Amino acid sequence: MTASNVKKRKSLFAIRALSILLFLSFLPKEGNAQKKVEALRDFNRVSGDNRDNPRGFYFEDRHHDLDKFAGEWEGTGFGGYQWRTRIAVQKKANCTRFPIWADALGLELSIKKDGKAAITPTGNLIPGTSFIQGWGLRWEMREGAVDPNIYKVLFVMVNLTSLIRRRVELRLYINATHDTIVIRRGYTIQIEHSANIPDYIPLEAIWLRSARYDA
């Protein structure tokens, strides 16, 4: 092989390597995968338009639907359990293991009976916090739209001894004056056939009053 051919091959290799580097530079980085911002109320529509995988979208609470839920709330529920929760808006939370972001509610929850703490959800926490991550505004199929006054929270509980897993959806209904939240149970997923729902999960509605109105 002549020196001229060697030089040509090296030049061709350099061009190919440069082309690959340029191609890779245009690929989206995982940390910058966000490609479009949509309203939180439009999550279901956008998800449907993207085959239930709105990868890379950020769903922003443009209508400030979440703000009215924020604050401290307390009340006594089914079985005499005393509920107290602090709710805060989490901006641009990573809601799934895929790059999908959304403004969400985080719940810091305390449930007690006779002064003793009950078992609280141990899963679905916002990473690095003690907040249970909210699941989003409720979609009303009949109206074909979300209800901005109903917010869903998925309780994921794991018994560390038996490793029994159970999931319960709770729905937070806020009233027109924004001083009362009513909690009702939604659907239940029992991962194991022997899973039992804790007795503090409401069979009937729980009324939580804003702690800001306490005397």
Protein backbone atom coordinates (compact mmCIF):
# COMPACT_ATOMS: atom_id res chain seq x y z
CA MET A 1 0.00 0.00 0.00
CA THR A 2 1.47 3.32 -1.09
CA ALA A 3 1.82 6.33 1.14
CA SER A 4 -0.80 8.09 -0.98
CA ASN A 5 -3.37 5.33 -0.36
CA VAL A 6 -2.63 5.35 3.38
CA LYS A 7 -3.20 9.08 3.48
CA LYS A 8 -6.51 8.74 1.62
CA ARG A 9 -7.75 6.01 3.98
CA LYS A 10 -6.84 8.11 7.04
CA SER A 11 -8.64 11.08 5.53
CA LEU A 12 -11.75 8.99 4.80
CA PHE A 13 -11.73 7.58 8.34
CA ALA A 14 -11.46 11.10 9.81
CA ILE A 15 -14.43 12.29 7.72
CA ARG A 16 -16.57 9.33 8.84
CA ALA A 17 -15.64 9.88 12.50
CA LEU A 18 -16.51 13.56 12.24
CA SER A 19 -19.86 12.70 10.62
CA ILE A 20 -20.72 10.32 13.48
CA LEU A 21 -19.80 12.93 16.09
CA LEU A 22 -21.96 15.54 14.37
CA PHE A 23 -24.89 13.09 14.20
CA LEU A 24 -24.58 12.25 17.91
CA SER A 25 -24.39 15.93 18.83
CA PHE A 26 -27.87 16.48 17.41
CA LEU A 27 -29.48 13.66 19.39
CA PRO A 28 -31.54 14.88 22.40
CA LYS A 29 -29.82 14.49 25.74
CA GLU A 30 -31.86 12.71 28.47
CA GLY A 31 -31.68 15.78 30.67
CA ASN A 32 -32.90 18.01 27.84
CA ALA A 33 -35.48 15.64 26.39
CA GLN A 34 -38.35 18.07 26.95
CA LYS A 35 -39.73 19.00 23.54
CA LYS A 36 -43.01 20.80 24.20
CA VAL A 37 -44.98 22.48 26.98
CA GLU A 38 -48.72 21.82 27.27
CA ALA A 39 -51.40 22.74 29.80
CA LEU A 40 -51.95 20.30 32.64
CA ARG A 41 -55.65 20.16 31.73
CA ASP A 42 -54.66 18.81 28.30
CA PHE A 43 -52.75 15.78 29.57
CA ASN A 44 -55.35 13.24 28.41
CA ARG A 45 -55.68 14.82 24.96
CA VAL A 46 -51.93 15.02 24.41
CA SER A 47 -51.45 11.51 25.75
CA GLY A 48 -54.07 10.18 23.33
CA ASP A 49 -52.48 12.03 20.43
CA ASN A 50 -49.16 10.36 21.27
CA ARG A 51 -50.39 6.80 21.73
CA ASP A 52 -50.53 7.16 25.52
CA ASN A 53 -46.83 8.00 25.66
CA PRO A 54 -46.33 11.79 25.76
CA ARG A 55 -42.60 11.32 26.14
CA GLY A 56 -40.63 14.53 26.61
CA PHE A 57 -43.64 16.76 27.35
CA TYR A 58 -43.96 19.12 30.31
CA PHE A 59 -47.53 19.68 31.51
CA GLU A 60 -47.70 23.08 33.17
CA ASP A 61 -50.52 24.16 35.49
CA ARG A 62 -51.35 27.21 33.40
CA HIS A 63 -54.80 27.58 34.96
CA HIS A 64 -53.47 27.41 38.56
CA ASP A 65 -55.80 24.51 39.34
CA LEU A 66 -53.38 23.10 41.91
CA ASP A 67 -52.87 26.24 43.97
CA LYS A 68 -56.25 25.99 45.72
CA PHE A 69 -55.32 22.58 47.17
CA ALA A 70 -52.09 23.86 48.76
CA GLY A 71 -51.99 24.35 52.52
CA GLU A 72 -52.54 22.38 55.72
CA TRP A 73 -55.68 20.31 56.19
CA GLU A 74 -57.03 18.20 59.05
CA GLY A 75 -60.08 16.18 60.04
CA THR A 76 -61.34 12.94 61.58
CA GLY A 77 -62.23 10.12 59.25
CA PHE A 78 -63.56 6.59 59.19
CA GLY A 79 -62.80 4.59 62.35
CA GLY A 80 -61.83 7.64 64.35
CA TYR A 81 -58.56 8.16 62.51
CA GLN A 82 -57.23 11.71 62.65
CA TRP A 83 -55.89 12.95 59.34
CA ARG A 84 -53.52 15.86 58.92
CA THR A 85 -51.82 16.67 55.65
CA ARG A 86 -49.66 19.39 54.21
CA ILE A 87 -50.14 19.82 50.47
CA ALA A 88 -47.65 21.67 48.30
CA VAL A 89 -47.41 22.28 44.57
CA GLN A 90 -44.40 20.58 43.00
CA LYS A 91 -43.26 22.33 39.83
CA LYS A 92 -42.06 20.21 36.92
CA ALA A 93 -42.01 16.90 38.77
CA ASN A 94 -40.79 13.85 36.86
CA CYS A 95 -44.00 11.83 37.04
CA THR A 96 -42.86 8.52 35.57
CA ARG A 97 -39.73 6.54 34.86
CA PHE A 98 -39.94 8.03 31.37
CA PRO A 99 -39.06 11.68 30.68
CA ILE A 100 -42.54 13.11 31.30
CA TRP A 101 -42.83 16.17 33.53
CA ALA A 102 -45.85 17.83 35.10
CA ASP A 103 -46.77 20.23 37.85
CA ALA A 104 -48.18 18.04 40.61
CA LEU A 105 -49.37 18.06 44.20
CA GLY A 106 -47.24 16.55 46.94
CA LEU A 107 -48.87 15.36 50.17
CA GLU A 108 -47.07 15.10 53.49
CA LEU A 109 -49.43 12.92 55.48
CA SER A 110 -49.99 12.06 59.14
CA ILE A 111 -52.72 9.61 60.19
CA LYS A 112 -53.18 8.84 63.89
CA LYS A 113 -55.63 7.05 66.15
CA ASP A 114 -55.66 7.48 69.93
CA GLY A 115 -52.44 9.45 69.58
CA LYS A 116 -50.62 6.61 67.82
CA ALA A 117 -49.42 6.82 64.24
CA ALA A 118 -51.05 4.54 61.69
CA ILE A 119 -49.20 2.91 58.81
CA THR A 120 -48.90 5.40 56.00
CA PRO A 121 -48.09 4.89 52.31
CA THR A 122 -44.48 3.88 51.74
CA GLY A 123 -44.31 4.14 47.96
CA ASN A 124 -44.87 6.69 45.21
CA LEU A 125 -42.90 9.38 47.04
CA ILE A 126 -41.34 12.30 45.23
CA PRO A 127 -37.60 11.47 45.14
CA GLY A 128 -35.66 13.09 47.98
CA THR A 129 -38.80 14.17 49.86
CA SER A 130 -41.45 12.79 52.22
CA PHE A 131 -44.23 13.95 49.88
CA ILE A 132 -46.59 11.44 48.29
CA GLN A 133 -46.74 12.33 44.61
CA GLY A 134 -50.12 13.28 43.21
CA TRP A 135 -51.53 11.48 40.19
CA GLY A 136 -53.28 14.31 38.36
CA LEU A 137 -56.64 15.96 37.76
CA ARG A 138 -59.58 13.62 37.34
CA TRP A 139 -60.79 13.01 33.78
CA GLU A 140 -64.58 12.99 33.47
CA MET A 141 -65.43 10.78 30.50
CA ARG A 142 -69.03 11.97 30.20
CA GLU A 143 -67.95 15.61 29.83
CA GLY A 144 -64.81 14.75 27.88
CA ALA A 145 -62.72 17.07 30.08
CA VAL A 146 -60.89 17.20 33.38
CA ASP A 147 -62.58 18.41 36.55
CA PRO A 148 -60.19 21.03 38.00
CA ASN A 149 -61.73 20.56 41.48
CA ILE A 150 -60.92 16.83 41.77
CA TYR A 151 -57.35 15.63 42.20
CA LYS A 152 -56.18 12.01 42.34
CA VAL A 153 -53.55 10.55 44.67
CA LEU A 154 -52.32 6.97 44.37
CA PHE A 155 -51.43 5.35 47.70
CA VAL A 156 -48.84 2.60 47.27
CA MET A 157 -48.36 0.53 50.42
CA VAL A 158 -45.87 -2.25 51.04
CA ASN A 159 -45.85 -4.46 54.13
CA LEU A 160 -42.12 -4.95 54.75
CA THR A 161 -42.71 -8.26 56.55
CA SER A 162 -45.01 -9.99 54.08
CA LEU A 163 -44.07 -7.82 51.07
CA ILE A 164 -47.77 -7.56 50.22
CA ARG A 165 -48.38 -4.63 47.87
CA ARG A 166 -51.62 -2.73 47.47
CA ARG A 167 -52.59 0.41 45.63
CA VAL A 168 -55.55 2.62 46.38
CA GLU A 169 -56.62 5.72 44.49
CA LEU A 170 -57.96 8.50 46.67
CA ARG A 171 -59.77 11.49 45.20
CA LEU A 172 -59.56 14.95 46.69
CA TYR A 173 -62.66 17.09 46.07
CA ILE A 174 -62.27 20.75 46.97
CA ASN A 175 -65.32 22.95 47.56
CA ALA A 176 -66.17 26.27 45.93
CA THR A 177 -64.82 28.35 48.80
CA HIS A 178 -61.56 26.37 48.92
CA ASP A 179 -61.74 25.77 52.67
CA THR A 180 -62.79 22.09 52.69
CA ILE A 181 -61.42 18.99 50.97
CA VAL A 182 -63.52 15.83 50.83
CA ILE A 183 -61.58 12.56 50.37
CA ARG A 184 -63.27 9.62 48.67
CA ARG A 185 -61.91 6.26 47.64
CA GLY A 186 -61.49 5.57 43.94
CA TYR A 187 -60.38 2.27 42.48
CA THR A 188 -58.33 -0.35 44.32
CA ILE A 189 -55.60 -2.58 42.92
CA GLN A 190 -54.62 -5.55 45.07
CA ILE A 191 -51.32 -6.82 43.75
CA GLU A 192 -51.57 -10.01 45.82
CA HIS A 193 -54.82 -11.88 46.42
CA SER A 194 -54.33 -11.66 50.19
CA ALA A 195 -53.84 -7.89 50.23
CA ASN A 196 -56.14 -6.04 52.61
CA ILE A 197 -56.86 -2.34 52.53
CA PRO A 198 -55.90 -0.58 55.79
CA ASP A 199 -58.93 0.39 57.85
CA TYR A 200 -57.97 4.08 57.81
CA ILE A 201 -58.61 4.25 54.05
CA PRO A 202 -62.09 5.77 53.82
CA LEU A 203 -65.10 3.61 53.06
CA GLU A 204 -67.05 6.82 53.29
CA ALA A 205 -66.04 10.40 52.65
CA ILE A 206 -63.61 12.25 54.94
CA TRP A 207 -63.98 15.99 55.39
CA LEU A 208 -60.74 17.92 55.93
CA ARG A 209 -60.96 21.53 57.02
CA SER A 210 -58.24 24.01 56.25
CA ALA A 211 -56.02 24.39 59.32
CA ARG A 212 -55.77 28.10 58.49
CA TYR A 213 -59.34 28.56 59.76
CA ASP A 214 -58.73 27.02 63.15
CA ALA A 215 -59.22 29.32 66.11
